[in-house]
Protein backbone atom coordinates (compact mmCIF):
# COMPACT_ATOMS: atom_id res chain seq x y z
CA MET A 1 -33.52 -10.83 -7.03
CA SER A 2 -30.11 -9.52 -8.04
CA LYS A 3 -29.15 -9.30 -11.66
CA LYS A 4 -26.00 -10.90 -12.98
CA ARG A 5 -23.12 -8.60 -13.77
CA ASP A 6 -22.58 -8.03 -17.46
CA ARG A 7 -19.20 -8.39 -19.11
CA LEU A 8 -18.29 -4.69 -18.97
CA GLU A 9 -19.19 -4.52 -15.26
CA VAL A 10 -17.00 -7.54 -14.50
CA ILE A 11 -14.06 -6.03 -16.38
CA TYR A 12 -14.58 -2.70 -14.60
CA GLY A 13 -14.69 -4.46 -11.22
CA PHE A 14 -11.57 -6.46 -12.04
CA LEU A 15 -9.59 -3.36 -13.00
CA LYS A 16 -11.00 -1.25 -10.15
CA ILE A 17 -9.83 -3.81 -7.58
CA ILE A 18 -6.30 -3.63 -8.97
CA GLN A 19 -6.38 0.18 -8.91
CA GLU A 20 -7.70 0.27 -5.33
CA ASN A 21 -4.81 -1.94 -4.21
CA HIS A 22 -2.20 0.63 -5.24
CA ASN A 23 -2.04 -0.85 -8.74
CA SER A 24 -0.41 -4.04 -7.53
CA ILE A 25 -2.12 -7.20 -6.32
CA LYS A 26 -1.27 -10.90 -6.22
CA PRO A 27 -3.47 -13.23 -8.29
CA THR A 28 -5.09 -15.11 -5.38
CA PRO A 29 -6.39 -12.03 -3.50
CA LEU A 30 -7.60 -10.63 -6.83
CA LEU A 31 -9.49 -13.87 -7.51
CA ARG A 32 -11.18 -13.67 -4.11
CA LYS A 33 -12.11 -10.00 -4.45
CA THR A 34 -13.57 -10.37 -7.95
CA ASN A 35 -16.09 -12.92 -6.67
CA LEU A 36 -15.67 -14.99 -9.82
CA SER A 37 -15.20 -18.73 -10.19
CA SER A 38 -11.64 -19.83 -10.93
CA GLN A 39 -12.58 -20.65 -14.50
CA SER A 40 -14.30 -17.30 -15.13
CA PHE A 41 -11.45 -15.45 -13.44
CA ASN A 42 -8.90 -17.14 -15.69
CA GLU A 43 -10.93 -16.40 -18.81
CA TYR A 44 -11.24 -12.69 -17.95
CA PHE A 45 -7.62 -12.50 -16.82
CA GLN A 46 -6.31 -14.04 -20.05
CA GLU A 47 -8.49 -11.69 -22.11
CA LEU A 48 -7.26 -8.65 -20.18
CA LEU A 49 -3.64 -9.76 -20.57
CA LYS A 50 -4.11 -10.38 -24.29
CA LYS A 51 -5.75 -6.97 -24.79
CA GLU A 52 -3.02 -5.36 -22.65
CA PHE A 53 -5.32 -3.93 -19.97
CA VAL A 54 -3.19 -5.59 -17.27
CA LYS A 55 0.41 -6.70 -16.91
CA GLU A 56 2.13 -9.37 -14.87
CA ILE A 57 5.21 -8.24 -13.01
CA TYR A 58 7.57 -10.17 -10.74
CA ASP A 59 9.38 -8.84 -7.70
CA LYS A 60 12.93 -9.76 -6.71
CA ASN A 61 11.61 -12.88 -4.94
CA LYS A 62 9.85 -14.03 -8.14
CA LYS A 63 6.38 -13.35 -6.71
CA LYS A 64 3.81 -12.45 -9.35
CA TYR A 65 1.77 -9.27 -9.15
CA ILE A 66 -0.91 -7.94 -11.48
CA THR A 67 -0.89 -4.25 -12.38
CA LEU A 68 -2.88 -2.00 -14.70
CA SER A 69 -1.43 -0.81 -17.97
CA ASP A 70 -2.14 2.65 -19.34
CA LYS A 71 -4.90 1.05 -21.39
CA GLY A 72 -6.45 -0.35 -18.19
CA PHE A 73 -6.44 3.08 -16.55
CA HIS A 74 -8.01 4.53 -19.69
CA TYR A 75 -10.80 1.93 -19.57
CA LEU A 76 -11.59 2.93 -15.97
CA GLU A 77 -11.82 6.60 -16.96
CA LYS A 78 -14.11 5.90 -19.92
CA TYR A 79 -16.32 3.57 -17.90
CA LYS A 80 -16.79 6.27 -15.25
CA THR A 81 -17.83 8.66 -18.03
CA ILE A 82 -20.42 6.15 -19.22
CA LEU A 83 -21.76 5.70 -15.67
CA GLY A 84 -22.03 9.48 -15.34
CA PHE A 85 -23.98 9.65 -18.58
CA ILE A 86 -26.36 6.93 -17.37
CA ASP A 87 -26.90 8.76 -14.07
CA ASP A 88 -27.41 12.14 -15.76
CA PHE A 89 -30.24 10.77 -17.87
CA ASP A 90 -31.72 8.35 -15.32
CA LEU A 91 -31.19 5.37 -17.62
């Protein structure tokens, strides 16, 4: 039986997907790749926008893209440090 992802794991996954897509992804592919329901996706997305982890940008054709802010990159770095700590101590 697989365990549900906790909030920090979901946020990490959300930000990691953006980073892996050259720091620029449209909302619909991001929704699909996060494996969240539309409602959950919107809740996380709004929280990440509000806390300035991500930004919305528009290209010359008015298409919306989601990118990481410096704060989002910083979160990814810190989360990796935490994962390393957990691995080092077999927690």
